Amino acid sequence: MPKSRVRKKPVYTPPPTRSSKHKVSPVWLAPVMVACLLIGLAWIALYYVTQANMPVLSALGGWNLVCGFCLIVAGVVLATQWRLSPLSPGGTTPRTPRCAPDGVRHRIGRATCAPADDPG
């Protein structure tokens, strides 16, 4: 039986390590995102409620819908860029059990919760 040839594989090179620094969105991003969404919604609602009888709204006419939807789209685009700040290096924090105020020792999952006056 003929012997098969050995494949020549390139040497495995691991992917570059990721930075341990987590991406965090700027402080201004969340307020601007919420403002764009709410102002866009209010603009469209005001346009319909007032029937475009306000000075600024009557000058724009049908473009009021475009302005409102552009603000809403800007808010959605900003929402895609929003990153939550990490809670710990692993990304999550361990859950601490909640104690009931009735003074009874409760079992939550694997953790045992003791009242504050009980040292053990």
PDB file of N, CA and C in Angstrom:
ATOM      1  N   MET A   1       0.849  -1.166   0.000  1.00  0.00           N
ATOM      2  CA  MET A   1       0.000   0.000   0.000  1.00  0.00           C
ATOM      3  C   MET A   1       0.902   1.238   0.000  1.00  0.00           C
ATOM      4  N   PRO A   2       0.572   2.221  -0.864  1.00  0.00           N
ATOM      5  CA  PRO A   2       1.422   3.417  -0.912  1.00  0.00           C
ATOM      6  C   PRO A   2       1.256   4.266   0.350  1.00  0.00           C
ATOM      7  N   LYS A   3       2.338   4.903   0.717  1.00  0.00           N
ATOM      8  CA  LYS A   3       2.336   5.730   1.914  1.00  0.00           C
ATOM      9  C   LYS A   3       1.852   7.130   1.538  1.00  0.00           C
ATOM     10  N   SER A   4       0.949   7.673   2.357  1.00  0.00           N
ATOM     11  CA  SER A   4       0.426   9.009   2.059  1.00  0.00           C
ATOM     12  C   SER A   4       1.471  10.067   2.402  1.00  0.00           C
ATOM     13  N   ARG A   5       1.382  11.151   1.645  1.00  0.00           N
ATOM     14  CA  ARG A   5       2.327  12.243   1.899  1.00  0.00           C
ATOM     15  C   ARG A   5       1.870  13.052   3.103  1.00  0.00           C
ATOM     16  N   VAL A   6       2.808  13.590   3.809  1.00  0.00           N
ATOM     17  CA  VAL A   6       2.513  14.415   4.973  1.00  0.00           C
ATOM     18  C   VAL A   6       2.192  15.825   4.483  1.00  0.00           C
ATOM     19  N   ARG A   7       1.058  16.348   4.966  1.00  0.00           N
ATOM     20  CA  ARG A   7       0.693  17.719   4.573  1.00  0.00           C
ATOM     21  C   ARG A   7       1.597  18.702   5.263  1.00  0.00           C
ATOM     22  N   LYS A   8       1.942  19.735   4.557  1.00  0.00           N
ATOM     23  CA  LYS A   8       2.750  20.778   5.155  1.00  0.00           C
ATOM     24  C   LYS A   8       1.818  21.896   5.594  1.00  0.00           C
ATOM     25  N   LYS A   9       1.619  21.976   6.890  1.00  0.00           N
ATOM     26  CA  LYS A   9       0.764  23.019   7.442  1.00  0.00           C
ATOM     27  C   LYS A   9       1.641  24.160   7.927  1.00  0.00           C
ATOM     28  N   PRO A  10       1.108  25.368   7.776  1.00  0.00           N
ATOM     29  CA  PRO A  10       1.877  26.466   8.349  1.00  0.00           C
ATOM     30  C   PRO A  10       1.822  26.387   9.879  1.00  0.00           C
ATOM     31  N   VAL A  11       2.822  26.906  10.503  1.00  0.00           N
ATOM     32  CA  VAL A  11       2.895  26.889  11.959  1.00  0.00           C
ATOM     33  C   VAL A  11       1.775  27.769  12.499  1.00  0.00           C
ATOM     34  N   TYR A  12       1.098  27.275  13.529  1.00  0.00           N
ATOM     35  CA  TYR A  12      -0.018  28.024  14.114  1.00  0.00           C
ATOM     36  C   TYR A  12       0.509  29.266  14.806  1.00  0.00           C
ATOM     37  N   THR A  13      -0.057  30.385  14.430  1.00  0.00           N
ATOM     38  CA  THR A  13       0.264  31.628  15.123  1.00  0.00           C
ATOM     39  C   THR A  13      -1.009  32.107  15.796  1.00  0.00           C
ATOM     40  N   PRO A  14      -0.969  32.257  17.100  1.00  0.00           N
ATOM     41  CA  PRO A  14      -2.172  32.679  17.802  1.00  0.00           C
ATOM     42  C   PRO A  14      -2.542  34.108  17.429  1.00  0.00           C
ATOM     43  N   PRO A  15      -3.829  34.423  17.503  1.00  0.00           N
ATOM     44  CA  PRO A  15      -4.237  35.793  17.186  1.00  0.00           C
ATOM     45  C   PRO A  15      -3.655  36.760  18.217  1.00  0.00           C
ATOM     46  N   PRO A  16      -3.490  38.004  17.817  1.00  0.00           N
ATOM     47  CA  PRO A  16      -2.924  38.960  18.763  1.00  0.00           C
ATOM     48  C   PRO A  16      -3.825  39.095  19.986  1.00  0.00           C
ATOM     49  N   THR A  17      -3.206  39.285  21.123  1.00  0.00           N
ATOM     50  CA  THR A  17      -3.981  39.406  22.351  1.00  0.00           C
ATOM     51  C   THR A  17      -4.751  40.712  22.348  1.00  0.00           C
ATOM     52  N   ARG A  18      -5.943  40.634  22.875  1.00  0.00           N
ATOM     53  CA  ARG A  18      -6.768  41.834  22.950  1.00  0.00           C
ATOM     54  C   ARG A  18      -6.309  42.689  24.109  1.00  0.00           C
ATOM     55  N   SER A  19      -6.549  43.934  23.955  1.00  0.00           N
ATOM     56  CA  SER A  19      -6.202  44.858  25.019  1.00  0.00           C
ATOM     57  C   SER A  19      -7.074  44.588  26.239  1.00  0.00           C
ATOM     58  N   SER A  20      -6.460  44.642  27.415  1.00  0.00           N
ATOM     59  CA  SER A  20      -7.240  44.419  28.625  1.00  0.00           C
ATOM     60  C   SER A  20      -8.098  45.639  28.946  1.00  0.00           C
ATOM     61  N   LYS A  21      -7.857  46.733  28.284  1.00  0.00           N
ATOM     62  CA  LYS A  21      -8.633  47.944  28.518  1.00  0.00           C
ATOM     63  C   LYS A  21      -9.962  47.822  27.776  1.00  0.00           C
ATOM     64  N   HIS A  22     -11.061  47.912  28.510  1.00  0.00           N
ATOM     65  CA  HIS A  22     -12.388  47.789  27.914  1.00  0.00           C
ATOM     66  C   HIS A  22     -12.787  49.106  27.272  1.00  0.00           C
ATOM     67  N   LYS A  23     -13.513  48.990  26.183  1.00  0.00           N
ATOM     68  CA  LYS A  23     -14.010  50.191  25.528  1.00  0.00           C
ATOM     69  C   LYS A  23     -15.168  50.757  26.335  1.00  0.00           C
ATOM     70  N   VAL A  24     -15.088  52.031  26.612  1.00  0.00           N
ATOM     71  CA  VAL A  24     -16.139  52.705  27.357  1.00  0.00           C
ATOM     72  C   VAL A  24     -16.566  53.910  26.532  1.00  0.00           C
ATOM     73  N   SER A  25     -17.851  54.112  26.413  1.00  0.00           N
ATOM     74  CA  SER A  25     -18.343  55.231  25.625  1.00  0.00           C
ATOM     75  C   SER A  25     -18.097  56.542  26.361  1.00  0.00           C
ATOM     76  N   PRO A  26     -17.998  57.641  25.619  1.00  0.00           N
ATOM     77  CA  PRO A  26     -17.812  58.939  26.259  1.00  0.00           C
ATOM     78  C   PRO A  26     -19.009  59.296  27.131  1.00  0.00           C
ATOM     79  N   VAL A  27     -18.776  60.205  28.063  1.00  0.00           N
ATOM     80  CA  VAL A  27     -19.809  60.577  29.023  1.00  0.00           C
ATOM     81  C   VAL A  27     -20.985  61.263  28.333  1.00  0.00           C
ATOM     82  N   TRP A  28     -20.737  62.004  27.284  1.00  0.00           N
ATOM     83  CA  TRP A  28     -21.777  62.789  26.627  1.00  0.00           C
ATOM     84  C   TRP A  28     -22.687  61.928  25.752  1.00  0.00           C
ATOM     85  N   LEU A  29     -22.297  60.723  25.424  1.00  0.00           N
ATOM     86  CA  LEU A  29     -23.032  59.940  24.428  1.00  0.00           C
ATOM     87  C   LEU A  29     -24.437  59.562  24.881  1.00  0.00           C
ATOM     88  N   ALA A  30     -24.596  59.061  26.080  1.00  0.00           N
ATOM     89  CA  ALA A  30     -25.924  58.620  26.530  1.00  0.00           C
ATOM     90  C   ALA A  30     -26.912  59.779  26.632  1.00  0.00           C
ATOM     91  N   PRO A  31     -26.548  60.934  27.222  1.00  0.00           N
ATOM     92  CA  PRO A  31     -27.516  62.033  27.262  1.00  0.00           C
ATOM     93  C   PRO A  31     -27.885  62.568  25.881  1.00  0.00           C
ATOM     94  N   VAL A  32     -26.916  62.630  24.974  1.00  0.00           N
ATOM     95  CA  VAL A  32     -27.211  63.113  23.620  1.00  0.00           C
ATOM     96  C   VAL A  32     -28.100  62.116  22.887  1.00  0.00           C
ATOM     97  N   MET A  33     -27.864  60.823  23.091  1.00  0.00           N
ATOM     98  CA  MET A  33     -28.685  59.791  22.458  1.00  0.00           C
ATOM     99  C   MET A  33     -30.136  59.904  22.922  1.00  0.00           C
ATOM    100  N   VAL A  34     -30.336  59.998  24.225  1.00  0.00           N
ATOM    101  CA  VAL A  34     -31.694  60.098  24.761  1.00  0.00           C
ATOM    102  C   VAL A  34     -32.354  61.401  24.299  1.00  0.00           C
ATOM    103  N   ALA A  35     -31.569  62.489  24.276  1.00  0.00           N
ATOM    104  CA  ALA A  35     -32.116  63.775  23.839  1.00  0.00           C
ATOM    105  C   ALA A  35     -32.554  63.714  22.379  1.00  0.00           C
ATOM    106  N   CYS A  36     -31.749  63.112  21.526  1.00  0.00           N
ATOM    107  CA  CYS A  36     -32.121  63.001  20.102  1.00  0.00           C
ATOM    108  C   CYS A  36     -33.401  62.191  19.934  1.00  0.00           C
ATOM    109  N   LEU A  37     -33.500  61.090  20.644  1.00  0.00           N
ATOM    110  CA  LEU A  37     -34.692  60.258  20.524  1.00  0.00           C
ATOM    111  C   LEU A  37     -35.942  61.005  21.009  1.00  0.00           C
ATOM    112  N   LEU A  38     -35.834  61.652  22.160  1.00  0.00           N
ATOM    113  CA  LEU A  38     -37.003  62.336  22.721  1.00  0.00           C
ATOM    114  C   LEU A  38     -37.375  63.590  21.927  1.00  0.00           C
ATOM    115  N   ILE A  39     -36.387  64.364  21.481  1.00  0.00           N
ATOM    116  CA  ILE A  39     -36.685  65.579  20.708  1.00  0.00           C
ATOM    117  C   ILE A  39     -37.292  65.204  19.359  1.00  0.00           C
ATOM    118  N   GLY A  40     -36.764  64.144  18.725  1.00  0.00           N
ATOM    119  CA  GLY A  40     -37.334  63.698  17.454  1.00  0.00           C
ATOM    120  C   GLY A  40     -38.770  63.245  17.606  1.00  0.00           C
ATOM    121  N   LEU A  41     -39.048  62.507  18.667  1.00  0.00           N
ATOM    122  CA  LEU A  41     -40.412  62.060  18.931  1.00  0.00           C
ATOM    123  C   LEU A  41     -41.325  63.250  19.230  1.00  0.00           C
ATOM    124  N   ALA A  42     -40.830  64.188  20.051  1.00  0.00           N
ATOM    125  CA  ALA A  42     -41.630  65.366  20.393  1.00  0.00           C
ATOM    126  C   ALA A  42     -41.880  66.237  19.164  1.00  0.00           C
ATOM    127  N   TRP A  43     -40.896  66.343  18.280  1.00  0.00           N
ATOM    128  CA  TRP A  43     -41.039  67.153  17.070  1.00  0.00           C
ATOM    129  C   TRP A  43     -42.176  66.614  16.200  1.00  0.00           C
ATOM    130  N   ILE A  44     -42.157  65.310  15.985  1.00  0.00           N
ATOM    131  CA  ILE A  44     -43.192  64.701  15.141  1.00  0.00           C
ATOM    132  C   ILE A  44     -44.560  64.797  15.817  1.00  0.00           C
ATOM    133  N   ALA A  45     -44.605  64.535  17.120  1.00  0.00           N
ATOM    134  CA  ALA A  45     -45.882  64.623  17.834  1.00  0.00           C
ATOM    135  C   ALA A  45     -46.416  66.049  17.821  1.00  0.00           C
ATOM    136  N   LEU A  46     -45.550  67.034  18.020  1.00  0.00           N
ATOM    137  CA  LEU A  46     -45.966  68.437  18.011  1.00  0.00           C
ATOM    138  C   LEU A  46     -46.460  68.850  16.620  1.00  0.00           C
ATOM    139  N   TYR A  47     -45.819  68.339  15.599  1.00  0.00           N
ATOM    140  CA  TYR A  47     -46.232  68.633  14.227  1.00  0.00           C
ATOM    141  C   TYR A  47     -47.661  68.129  13.979  1.00  0.00           C
ATOM    142  N   TYR A  48     -47.942  66.924  14.446  1.00  0.00           N
ATOM    143  CA  TYR A  48     -49.280  66.378  14.232  1.00  0.00           C
ATOM    144  C   TYR A  48     -50.327  67.022  15.141  1.00  0.00           C
ATOM    145  N   VAL A  49     -49.986  67.278  16.377  1.00  0.00           N
ATOM    146  CA  VAL A  49     -50.952  67.837  17.325  1.00  0.00           C
ATOM    147  C   VAL A  49     -51.340  69.262  16.954  1.00  0.00           C
ATOM    148  N   THR A  50     -50.355  70.078  16.568  1.00  0.00           N
ATOM    149  CA  THR A  50     -50.642  71.487  16.250  1.00  0.00           C
ATOM    150  C   THR A  50     -51.086  71.676  14.805  1.00  0.00           C
ATOM    151  N   GLN A  51     -51.085  70.645  14.026  1.00  0.00           N
ATOM    152  CA  GLN A  51     -51.453  70.721  12.605  1.00  0.00           C
ATOM    153  C   GLN A  51     -50.566  71.722  11.868  1.00  0.00           C
ATOM    154  N   ALA A  52     -49.324  71.855  12.299  1.00  0.00           N
ATOM    155  CA  ALA A  52     -48.311  72.744  11.707  1.00  0.00           C
ATOM    156  C   ALA A  52     -48.732  74.204  11.752  1.00  0.00           C
ATOM    157  N   ASN A  53     -49.415  74.623  12.823  1.00  0.00           N
ATOM    158  CA  ASN A  53     -49.825  76.015  12.967  1.00  0.00           C
ATOM    159  C   ASN A  53     -48.832  76.847  13.763  1.00  0.00           C
ATOM    160  N   MET A  54     -47.711  76.272  14.175  1.00  0.00           N
ATOM    161  CA  MET A  54     -46.689  77.029  14.885  1.00  0.00           C
ATOM    162  C   MET A  54     -45.761  77.689  13.860  1.00  0.00           C
ATOM    163  N   PRO A  55     -45.133  78.823  14.198  1.00  0.00           N
ATOM    164  CA  PRO A  55     -44.311  79.550  13.217  1.00  0.00           C
ATOM    165  C   PRO A  55     -43.209  78.706  12.584  1.00  0.00           C
ATOM    166  N   VAL A  56     -42.432  77.998  13.384  1.00  0.00           N
ATOM    167  CA  VAL A  56     -41.324  77.208  12.821  1.00  0.00           C
ATOM    168  C   VAL A  56     -41.862  76.010  12.052  1.00  0.00           C
ATOM    169  N   LEU A  57     -42.873  75.363  12.587  1.00  0.00           N
ATOM    170  CA  LEU A  57     -43.407  74.166  11.942  1.00  0.00           C
ATOM    171  C   LEU A  57     -44.115  74.479  10.633  1.00  0.00           C
ATOM    172  N   SER A  58     -44.796  75.610  10.560  1.00  0.00           N
ATOM    173  CA  SER A  58     -45.497  75.941   9.318  1.00  0.00           C
ATOM    174  C   SER A  58     -44.520  76.304   8.210  1.00  0.00           C
ATOM    175  N   ALA A  59     -43.369  76.849   8.564  1.00  0.00           N
ATOM    176  CA  ALA A  59     -42.378  77.204   7.545  1.00  0.00           C
ATOM    177  C   ALA A  59     -41.749  75.966   6.913  1.00  0.00           C
ATOM    178  N   LEU A  60     -41.607  74.915   7.696  1.00  0.00           N
ATOM    179  CA  LEU A  60     -40.980  73.700   7.177  1.00  0.00           C
ATOM    180  C   LEU A  60     -41.952  72.799   6.426  1.00  0.00           C
ATOM    181  N   GLY A  61     -43.205  72.873   6.744  1.00  0.00           N
ATOM    182  CA  GLY A  61     -44.197  72.048   6.040  1.00  0.00           C
ATOM    183  C   GLY A  61     -43.965  70.573   6.272  1.00  0.00           C
ATOM    184  N   GLY A  62     -43.911  69.816   5.195  1.00  0.00           N
ATOM    185  CA  GLY A  62     -43.731  68.368   5.267  1.00  0.00           C
ATOM    186  C   GLY A  62     -42.334  67.959   5.711  1.00  0.00           C
ATOM    187  N   TRP A  63     -41.401  68.882   5.685  1.00  0.00           N
ATOM    188  CA  TRP A  63     -40.037  68.572   6.115  1.00  0.00           C
ATOM    189  C   TRP A  63     -39.945  68.362   7.622  1.00  0.00           C
ATOM    190  N   ASN A  64     -41.013  68.669   8.347  1.00  0.00           N
ATOM    191  CA  ASN A  64     -41.027  68.411   9.783  1.00  0.00           C
ATOM    192  C   ASN A  64     -40.858  66.920  10.079  1.00  0.00           C
ATOM    193  N   LEU A  65     -41.475  66.089   9.269  1.00  0.00           N
ATOM    194  CA  LEU A  65     -41.321  64.650   9.453  1.00  0.00           C
ATOM    195  C   LEU A  65     -39.878  64.220   9.218  1.00  0.00           C
ATOM    196  N   VAL A  66     -39.255  64.805   8.199  1.00  0.00           N
ATOM    197  CA  VAL A  66     -37.860  64.471   7.907  1.00  0.00           C
ATOM    198  C   VAL A  66     -36.966  64.889   9.077  1.00  0.00           C
ATOM    199  N   CYS A  67     -37.201  66.083   9.622  1.00  0.00           N
ATOM    200  CA  CYS A  67     -36.405  66.556  10.758  1.00  0.00           C
ATOM    201  C   CYS A  67     -36.585  65.639  11.965  1.00  0.00           C
ATOM    202  N   GLY A  68     -37.812  65.285  12.266  1.00  0.00           N
ATOM    203  CA  GLY A  68     -38.065  64.410  13.407  1.00  0.00           C
ATOM    204  C   GLY A  68     -37.445  63.039  13.239  1.00  0.00           C
ATOM    205  N   PHE A  69     -37.615  62.456  12.053  1.00  0.00           N
ATOM    206  CA  PHE A  69     -37.049  61.131  11.822  1.00  0.00           C
ATOM    207  C   PHE A  69     -35.530  61.169  11.772  1.00  0.00           C
ATOM    208  N   CYS A  70     -34.936  62.255  11.291  1.00  0.00           N
ATOM    209  CA  CYS A  70     -33.473  62.376  11.306  1.00  0.00           C
ATOM    210  C   CYS A  70     -32.950  62.401  12.738  1.00  0.00           C
ATOM    211  N   LEU A  71     -33.648  63.090  13.621  1.00  0.00           N
ATOM    212  CA  LEU A  71     -33.235  63.095  15.025  1.00  0.00           C
ATOM    213  C   LEU A  71     -33.364  61.706  15.645  1.00  0.00           C
ATOM    214  N   ILE A  72     -34.423  61.001  15.306  1.00  0.00           N
ATOM    215  CA  ILE A  72     -34.603  59.651  15.834  1.00  0.00           C
ATOM    216  C   ILE A  72     -33.526  58.713  15.293  1.00  0.00           C
ATOM    217  N   VAL A  73     -33.219  58.828  14.013  1.00  0.00           N
ATOM    218  CA  VAL A  73     -32.162  57.991  13.421  1.00  0.00           C
ATOM    219  C   VAL A  73     -30.814  58.324  14.047  1.00  0.00           C
ATOM    220  N   ALA A  74     -30.556  59.601  14.307  1.00  0.00           N
ATOM    221  CA  ALA A  74     -29.304  59.982  14.971  1.00  0.00           C
ATOM    222  C   ALA A  74     -29.229  59.351  16.366  1.00  0.00           C
ATOM    223  N   GLY A  75     -30.343  59.317  17.073  1.00  0.00           N
ATOM    224  CA  GLY A  75     -30.365  58.663  18.380  1.00  0.00           C
ATOM    225  C   GLY A  75     -30.104  57.177  18.293  1.00  0.00           C
ATOM    226  N   VAL A  76     -30.646  56.531  17.279  1.00  0.00           N
ATOM    227  CA  VAL A  76     -30.418  55.092  17.106  1.00  0.00           C
ATOM    228  C   VAL A  76     -28.963  54.826  16.736  1.00  0.00           C
ATOM    229  N   VAL A  77     -28.387  55.669  15.880  1.00  0.00           N
ATOM    230  CA  VAL A  77     -26.974  55.510  15.516  1.00  0.00           C
ATOM    231  C   VAL A  77     -26.093  55.685  16.747  1.00  0.00           C
ATOM    232  N   LEU A  78     -26.396  56.665  17.576  1.00  0.00           N
ATOM    233  CA  LEU A  78     -25.629  56.842  18.812  1.00  0.00           C
ATOM    234  C   LEU A  78     -25.815  55.658  19.749  1.00  0.00           C
ATOM    235  N   ALA A  79     -26.984  55.060  19.736  1.00  0.00           N
ATOM    236  CA  ALA A  79     -27.233  53.898  20.598  1.00  0.00           C
ATOM    237  C   ALA A  79     -26.353  52.716  20.196  1.00  0.00           C
ATOM    238  N   THR A  80     -26.018  52.601  18.922  1.00  0.00           N
ATOM    239  CA  THR A  80     -25.150  51.504  18.499  1.00  0.00           C
ATOM    240  C   THR A  80     -23.713  51.713  18.946  1.00  0.00           C
ATOM    241  N   GLN A  81     -23.344  52.944  19.267  1.00  0.00           N
ATOM    242  CA  GLN A  81     -21.984  53.236  19.707  1.00  0.00           C
ATOM    243  C   GLN A  81     -21.836  53.217  21.223  1.00  0.00           C
ATOM    244  N   TRP A  82     -22.924  53.037  21.938  1.00  0.00           N
ATOM    245  CA  TRP A  82     -22.906  53.099  23.392  1.00  0.00           C
ATOM    246  C   TRP A  82     -22.352  51.804  23.960  1.00  0.00           C
ATOM    247  N   ARG A  83     -21.360  51.915  24.799  1.00  0.00           N
ATOM    248  CA  ARG A  83     -20.762  50.764  25.467  1.00  0.00           C
ATOM    249  C   ARG A  83     -20.950  50.933  26.961  1.00  0.00           C
ATOM    250  N   LEU A  84     -21.390  49.873  27.621  1.00  0.00           N
ATOM    251  CA  LEU A  84     -21.540  49.913  29.068  1.00  0.00           C
ATOM    252  C   LEU A  84     -20.176  49.778  29.715  1.00  0.00           C
ATOM    253  N   SER A  85     -19.987  50.418  30.824  1.00  0.00           N
ATOM    254  CA  SER A  85     -18.717  50.301  31.526  1.00  0.00           C
ATOM    255  C   SER A  85     -18.658  48.933  32.191  1.00  0.00           C
ATOM    256  N   PRO A  86     -17.496  48.305  32.169  1.00  0.00           N
ATOM    257  CA  PRO A  86     -17.379  46.978  32.780  1.00  0.00           C
ATOM    258  C   PRO A  86     -17.483  47.080  34.288  1.00  0.00           C
ATOM    259  N   LEU A  87     -18.091  46.074  34.897  1.00  0.00           N
ATOM    260  CA  LEU A  87     -18.277  46.069  36.334  1.00  0.00           C
ATOM    261  C   LEU A  87     -17.054  45.545  37.060  1.00  0.00           C
ATOM    262  N   SER A  88     -16.336  44.653  36.444  1.00  0.00           N
ATOM    263  CA  SER A  88     -15.123  44.098  37.034  1.00  0.00           C
ATOM    264  C   SER A  88     -14.252  43.609  35.884  1.00  0.00           C
ATOM    265  N   PRO A  89     -13.007  43.211  36.159  1.00  0.00           N
ATOM    266  CA  PRO A  89     -12.150  42.744  35.056  1.00  0.00           C
ATOM    267  C   PRO A  89     -12.759  41.594  34.267  1.00  0.00           C
ATOM    268  N   GLY A  90     -13.545  40.745  34.894  1.00  0.00           N
ATOM    269  CA  GLY A  90     -14.175  39.642  34.184  1.00  0.00           C
ATOM    270  C   GLY A  90     -15.430  40.050  33.442  1.00  0.00           C
ATOM    271  N   GLY A  91     -15.917  41.247  33.676  1.00  0.00           N
ATOM    272  CA  GLY A  91     -17.111  41.724  33.010  1.00  0.00           C
ATOM    273  C   GLY A  91     -18.374  41.570  33.831  1.00  0.00           C
ATOM    274  N   THR A  92     -18.321  40.760  34.880  1.00  0.00           N
ATOM    275  CA  THR A  92     -19.491  40.591  35.728  1.00  0.00           C
ATOM    276  C   THR A  92     -19.050  40.637  37.179  1.00  0.00           C
ATOM    277  N   THR A  93     -19.963  40.913  38.034  1.00  0.00           N
ATOM    278  CA  THR A  93     -19.665  40.880  39.464  1.00  0.00           C
ATOM    279  C   THR A  93     -20.379  39.696  40.069  1.00  0.00           C
ATOM    280  N   PRO A  94     -19.801  39.102  41.095  1.00  0.00           N
ATOM    281  CA  PRO A  94     -20.498  37.976  41.728  1.00  0.00           C
ATOM    282  C   PRO A  94     -21.748  38.468  42.437  1.00  0.00           C
ATOM    283  N   ARG A  95     -22.783  37.662  42.386  1.00  0.00           N
ATOM    284  CA  ARG A  95     -24.035  38.045  43.044  1.00  0.00           C
ATOM    285  C   ARG A  95     -23.907  37.861  44.532  1.00  0.00           C
ATOM    286  N   THR A  96     -24.292  38.856  45.248  1.00  0.00           N
ATOM    287  CA  THR A  96     -24.324  38.732  46.696  1.00  0.00           C
ATOM    288  C   THR A  96     -25.757  38.437  47.103  1.00  0.00           C
ATOM    289  N   PRO A  97     -25.953  37.514  48.008  1.00  0.00           N
ATOM    290  CA  PRO A  97     -27.323  37.173  48.394  1.00  0.00           C
ATOM    291  C   PRO A  97     -27.964  38.304  49.187  1.00  0.00           C
ATOM    292  N   ARG A  98     -29.250  38.454  49.013  1.00  0.00           N
ATOM    293  CA  ARG A  98     -30.002  39.442  49.770  1.00  0.00           C
ATOM    294  C   ARG A  98     -30.570  38.770  51.010  1.00  0.00           C
ATOM    295  N   CYS A  99     -30.505  39.478  52.115  1.00  0.00           N
ATOM    296  CA  CYS A  99     -31.041  38.944  53.366  1.00  0.00           C
ATOM    297  C   CYS A  99     -32.425  39.506  53.618  1.00  0.00           C
ATOM    298  N   ALA A 100     -33.295  38.664  54.092  1.00  0.00           N
ATOM    299  CA  ALA A 100     -34.644  39.098  54.429  1.00  0.00           C
ATOM    300  C   ALA A 100     -34.621  39.790  55.781  1.00  0.00           C
ATOM    301  N   PRO A 101     -35.449  40.812  55.981  1.00  0.00           N
ATOM    302  CA  PRO A 101     -35.440  41.530  57.249  1.00  0.00           C
ATOM    303  C   PRO A 101     -36.122  40.777  58.390  1.00  0.00           C
ATOM    304  N   ASP A 102     -36.628  39.576  58.139  1.00  0.00           N
ATOM    305  CA  ASP A 102     -37.362  38.857  59.180  1.00  0.00           C
ATOM    306  C   ASP A 102     -36.461  38.119  60.163  1.00  0.00           C
ATOM    307  N   GLY A 103     -35.150  38.185  59.982  1.00  0.00           N
ATOM    308  CA  GLY A 103     -34.221  37.565  60.918  1.00  0.00           C
ATOM    309  C   GLY A 103     -34.069  36.077  60.735  1.00  0.00           C
ATOM    310  N   VAL A 104     -34.593  35.520  59.669  1.00  0.00           N
ATOM    311  CA  VAL A 104     -34.502  34.088  59.415  1.00  0.00           C
ATOM    312  C   VAL A 104     -33.381  33.843  58.424  1.00  0.00           C
ATOM    313  N   ARG A 105     -32.644  32.787  58.670  1.00  0.00           N
ATOM    314  CA  ARG A 105     -31.568  32.440  57.765  1.00  0.00           C
ATOM    315  C   ARG A 105     -32.178  31.825  56.497  1.00  0.00           C
ATOM    316  N   HIS A 106     -31.831  32.388  55.349  1.00  0.00           N
ATOM    317  CA  HIS A 106     -32.381  31.920  54.081  1.00  0.00           C
ATOM    318  C   HIS A 106     -31.274  31.332  53.225  1.00  0.00           C
ATOM    319  N   ARG A 107     -31.659  30.410  52.394  1.00  0.00           N
ATOM    320  CA  ARG A 107     -30.702  29.818  51.468  1.00  0.00           C
ATOM    321  C   ARG A 107     -31.061  30.267  50.066  1.00  0.00           C
ATOM    322  N   ILE A 108     -30.097  30.911  49.410  1.00  0.00           N
ATOM    323  CA  ILE A 108     -30.296  31.400  48.043  1.00  0.00           C
ATOM    324  C   ILE A 108     -29.246  30.733  47.176  1.00  0.00           C
ATOM    325  N   GLY A 109     -29.668  29.817  46.346  1.00  0.00           N
ATOM    326  CA  GLY A 109     -28.699  29.115  45.507  1.00  0.00           C
ATOM    327  C   GLY A 109     -27.731  28.342  46.386  1.00  0.00           C
ATOM    328  N   ARG A 110     -26.440  28.622  46.233  1.00  0.00           N
ATOM    329  CA  ARG A 110     -25.428  27.970  47.051  1.00  0.00           C
ATOM    330  C   ARG A 110     -25.034  28.813  48.255  1.00  0.00           C
ATOM    331  N   ALA A 111     -25.404  30.087  48.247  1.00  0.00           N
ATOM    332  CA  ALA A 111     -25.005  30.982  49.329  1.00  0.00           C
ATOM    333  C   ALA A 111     -26.039  30.958  50.444  1.00  0.00           C
ATOM    334  N   THR A 112     -25.576  31.072  51.651  1.00  0.00           N
ATOM    335  CA  THR A 112     -26.468  31.163  52.799  1.00  0.00           C
ATOM    336  C   THR A 112     -26.425  32.586  53.296  1.00  0.00           C
ATOM    337  N   CYS A 113     -27.588  33.155  53.505  1.00  0.00           N
ATOM    338  CA  CYS A 113     -27.688  34.528  53.941  1.00  0.00           C
ATOM    339  C   CYS A 113     -28.066  34.538  55.410  1.00  0.00           C
ATOM    340  N   ALA A 114     -27.237  35.176  56.206  1.00  0.00           N
ATOM    341  CA  ALA A 114     -27.523  35.266  57.634  1.00  0.00           C
ATOM    342  C   ALA A 114     -27.934  36.682  57.972  1.00  0.00           C
ATOM    343  N   PRO A 115     -28.803  36.859  58.963  1.00  0.00           N
ATOM    344  CA  PRO A 115     -29.172  38.209  59.392  1.00  0.00           C
ATOM    345  C   PRO A 115     -27.958  38.970  59.905  1.00  0.00           C
ATOM    346  N   ALA A 116     -28.050  40.300  59.914  1.00  0.00           N
ATOM    347  CA  ALA A 116     -26.919  41.142  60.285  1.00  0.00           C
ATOM    348  C   ALA A 116     -26.473  40.919  61.725  1.00  0.00           C
ATOM    349  N   ASP A 117     -27.379  40.573  62.640  1.00  0.00           N
ATOM    350  CA  ASP A 117     -26.997  40.400  64.032  1.00  0.00           C
ATOM    351  C   ASP A 117     -26.435  39.004  64.313  1.00  0.00           C
ATOM    352  N   ASP A 118     -26.508  38.098  63.358  1.00  0.00           N
ATOM    353  CA  ASP A 118     -26.003  36.738  63.515  1.00  0.00           C
ATOM    354  C   ASP A 118     -24.579  36.683  62.964  1.00  0.00           C
ATOM    355  N   PRO A 119     -23.539  36.494  63.835  1.00  0.00           N
ATOM    356  CA  PRO A 119     -22.167  36.503  63.343  1.00  0.00           C
ATOM    357  C   PRO A 119     -21.806  35.258  62.566  1.00  0.00           C
ATOM    358  N   GLY A 120     -22.501  34.198  62.700  1.00  0.00           N
ATOM    359  CA  GLY A 120     -22.077  32.960  62.038  1.00  0.00           C
ATOM    360  C   GLY A 120     -23.090  32.479  61.157  1.00  0.00           C
TER     361      GLY A 120
END
